[in-house]
Amino acid sequence: MTNKSTKSEDFYSRFKDQLLESEDWPGIYIFKFIVKDKSEEFEELKKYLNNYKGKKSFKSSSNNKFLSLTFEYYAKSPADVINIYKGIENIDNIISL
């Protein structure tokens, strides 16, 4: 299962517009990611998010095969949010909600 992103700049431009309309800036943005539990990708994701100050919480799936990571981040603008999403594009097997 490979979910490397192929999102275009057009996608991110539309996403930025949606964020401007739906959120107040600056403010808290909540990221949610799902990865296989105890996987290399999970470790890569945690390591990447350690570059940002924010509250992380983890929850295992009922069968303990997957882990959801919720990351609450104080973003100054939609660009901050988009930069985080772009930063994880090179990590395989992550589902972003």
C-alpha atoms as a PDB file:
ATOM      1  CA  MET A   1       0.000   0.000   0.000  1.00  0.00           C
ATOM      2  CA  THR A   2       1.620   3.199  -1.149  1.00  0.00           C
ATOM      3  CA  ASN A   3      -0.170   6.481  -0.688  1.00  0.00           C
ATOM      4  CA  LYS A   4       2.496   8.933  -1.749  1.00  0.00           C
ATOM      5  CA  SER A   5       0.821  12.170  -2.546  1.00  0.00           C
ATOM      6  CA  THR A   6       0.577  13.448  -6.060  1.00  0.00           C
ATOM      7  CA  LYS A   7      -1.216  16.615  -5.057  1.00  0.00           C
ATOM      8  CA  SER A   8      -0.720  19.486  -7.431  1.00  0.00           C
ATOM      9  CA  GLU A   9      -0.176  23.143  -6.712  1.00  0.00           C
ATOM     10  CA  ASP A  10      -3.728  23.647  -7.991  1.00  0.00           C
ATOM     11  CA  PHE A  11      -4.992  21.334  -5.235  1.00  0.00           C
ATOM     12  CA  TYR A  12      -3.089  23.301  -2.611  1.00  0.00           C
ATOM     13  CA  SER A  13      -4.343  26.596  -4.018  1.00  0.00           C
ATOM     14  CA  ARG A  14      -7.966  25.413  -3.669  1.00  0.00           C
ATOM     15  CA  PHE A  15      -7.213  24.024  -0.206  1.00  0.00           C
ATOM     16  CA  LYS A  16      -5.743  27.376   0.849  1.00  0.00           C
ATOM     17  CA  ASP A  17      -8.913  29.158  -0.315  1.00  0.00           C
ATOM     18  CA  GLN A  18     -11.060  26.686   1.630  1.00  0.00           C
ATOM     19  CA  LEU A  19      -8.974  27.194   4.753  1.00  0.00           C
ATOM     20  CA  LEU A  20      -9.282  30.978   4.447  1.00  0.00           C
ATOM     21  CA  GLU A  21     -13.070  30.675   4.227  1.00  0.00           C
ATOM     22  CA  SER A  22     -13.599  28.071   6.930  1.00  0.00           C
ATOM     23  CA  GLU A  23     -11.079  28.901   9.653  1.00  0.00           C
ATOM     24  CA  ASP A  24     -10.038  31.931  11.690  1.00  0.00           C
ATOM     25  CA  TRP A  25      -6.356  32.858  11.338  1.00  0.00           C
ATOM     26  CA  PRO A  26      -4.216  32.634  13.320  1.00  0.00           C
ATOM     27  CA  GLY A  27      -5.688  29.661  15.146  1.00  0.00           C
ATOM     28  CA  ILE A  28      -5.570  26.013  16.078  1.00  0.00           C
ATOM     29  CA  TYR A  29      -5.679  23.554  13.184  1.00  0.00           C
ATOM     30  CA  ILE A  30      -6.230  19.875  13.930  1.00  0.00           C
ATOM     31  CA  PHE A  31      -4.418  17.353  11.761  1.00  0.00           C
ATOM     32  CA  LYS A  32      -5.399  13.693  11.833  1.00  0.00           C
ATOM     33  CA  PHE A  33      -3.251  10.926  10.381  1.00  0.00           C
ATOM     34  CA  ILE A  34      -3.665   7.151  10.315  1.00  0.00           C
ATOM     35  CA  VAL A  35      -0.697   4.782   9.995  1.00  0.00           C
ATOM     36  CA  LYS A  36       0.107   1.164  10.732  1.00  0.00           C
ATOM     37  CA  ASP A  37       0.985   0.755  14.395  1.00  0.00           C
ATOM     38  CA  LYS A  38       4.677   0.256  15.191  1.00  0.00           C
ATOM     39  CA  SER A  39       5.646   1.001  11.596  1.00  0.00           C
ATOM     40  CA  GLU A  40       8.600   2.875  10.179  1.00  0.00           C
ATOM     41  CA  GLU A  41       6.141   5.402   8.728  1.00  0.00           C
ATOM     42  CA  PHE A  42       4.732   6.104  12.160  1.00  0.00           C
ATOM     43  CA  GLU A  43       8.217   6.839  13.464  1.00  0.00           C
ATOM     44  CA  GLU A  44       8.946   9.092  10.469  1.00  0.00           C
ATOM     45  CA  LEU A  45       5.699  10.991  11.002  1.00  0.00           C
ATOM     46  CA  LYS A  46       6.395  11.510  14.718  1.00  0.00           C
ATOM     47  CA  LYS A  47       9.928  12.667  13.953  1.00  0.00           C
ATOM     48  CA  TYR A  48       8.677  15.139  11.333  1.00  0.00           C
ATOM     49  CA  LEU A  49       5.979  16.567  13.618  1.00  0.00           C
ATOM     50  CA  ASN A  50       8.553  17.031  16.387  1.00  0.00           C
ATOM     51  CA  ASN A  51       9.774  19.993  14.299  1.00  0.00           C
ATOM     52  CA  TYR A  52       6.541  21.784  15.228  1.00  0.00           C
ATOM     53  CA  LYS A  53       5.154  22.772  18.601  1.00  0.00           C
ATOM     54  CA  GLY A  54       1.748  21.310  19.194  1.00  0.00           C
ATOM     55  CA  LYS A  55      -0.218  18.754  21.139  1.00  0.00           C
ATOM     56  CA  LYS A  56      -0.011  15.173  19.875  1.00  0.00           C
ATOM     57  CA  SER A  57      -2.355  12.393  20.919  1.00  0.00           C
ATOM     58  CA  PHE A  58      -2.466   8.783  19.793  1.00  0.00           C
ATOM     59  CA  LYS A  59      -5.214   6.188  19.666  1.00  0.00           C
ATOM     60  CA  SER A  60      -4.946   2.550  18.613  1.00  0.00           C
ATOM     61  CA  SER A  61      -7.566   0.907  16.450  1.00  0.00           C
ATOM     62  CA  SER A  62      -9.724  -1.799  18.011  1.00  0.00           C
ATOM     63  CA  ASN A  63      -7.519  -4.517  16.499  1.00  0.00           C
ATOM     64  CA  ASN A  64      -4.287  -2.641  17.328  1.00  0.00           C
ATOM     65  CA  LYS A  65      -3.128  -2.721  13.703  1.00  0.00           C
ATOM     66  CA  PHE A  66      -3.472   1.003  13.095  1.00  0.00           C
ATOM     67  CA  LEU A  67      -2.802   4.138  15.048  1.00  0.00           C
ATOM     68  CA  SER A  68      -4.406   7.520  14.664  1.00  0.00           C
ATOM     69  CA  LEU A  69      -2.300  10.533  15.463  1.00  0.00           C
ATOM     70  CA  THR A  70      -4.055  13.811  16.180  1.00  0.00           C
ATOM     71  CA  PHE A  71      -1.901  16.909  16.088  1.00  0.00           C
ATOM     72  CA  GLU A  72      -3.208  20.270  17.319  1.00  0.00           C
ATOM     73  CA  TYR A  73      -1.077  23.034  15.881  1.00  0.00           C
ATOM     74  CA  TYR A  74      -1.296  26.796  16.286  1.00  0.00           C
ATOM     75  CA  ALA A  75      -0.992  28.005  12.684  1.00  0.00           C
ATOM     76  CA  LYS A  76      -0.483  31.619  11.701  1.00  0.00           C
ATOM     77  CA  SER A  77      -1.997  31.101   8.263  1.00  0.00           C
ATOM     78  CA  PRO A  78      -3.143  28.436   5.793  1.00  0.00           C
ATOM     79  CA  ALA A  79       0.435  28.375   4.463  1.00  0.00           C
ATOM     80  CA  ASP A  80       1.588  26.871   7.780  1.00  0.00           C
ATOM     81  CA  VAL A  81      -0.971  24.074   7.441  1.00  0.00           C
ATOM     82  CA  ILE A  82      -0.084  23.392   3.813  1.00  0.00           C
ATOM     83  CA  ASN A  83       3.641  23.284   4.635  1.00  0.00           C
ATOM     84  CA  ILE A  84       3.027  20.487   7.135  1.00  0.00           C
ATOM     85  CA  TYR A  85       0.983  18.481   4.647  1.00  0.00           C
ATOM     86  CA  LYS A  86       3.653  18.981   1.985  1.00  0.00           C
ATOM     87  CA  GLY A  87       6.312  17.890   4.467  1.00  0.00           C
ATOM     88  CA  ILE A  88       4.746  14.469   4.946  1.00  0.00           C
ATOM     89  CA  GLU A  89       4.131  13.794   1.254  1.00  0.00           C
ATOM     90  CA  ASN A  90       7.306  11.733   1.020  1.00  0.00           C
ATOM     91  CA  ILE A  91       6.267   9.341   3.785  1.00  0.00           C
ATOM     92  CA  ASP A  92       4.484   6.239   2.446  1.00  0.00           C
ATOM     93  CA  ASN A  93       1.315   4.703   3.830  1.00  0.00           C
ATOM     94  CA  ILE A  94      -0.119   7.674   5.695  1.00  0.00           C
ATOM     95  CA  ILE A  95      -3.781   8.504   5.481  1.00  0.00           C
ATOM     96  CA  SER A  96      -4.502  12.180   6.126  1.00  0.00           C
ATOM     97  CA  LEU A  97      -8.013  13.069   7.242  1.00  0.00           C
END
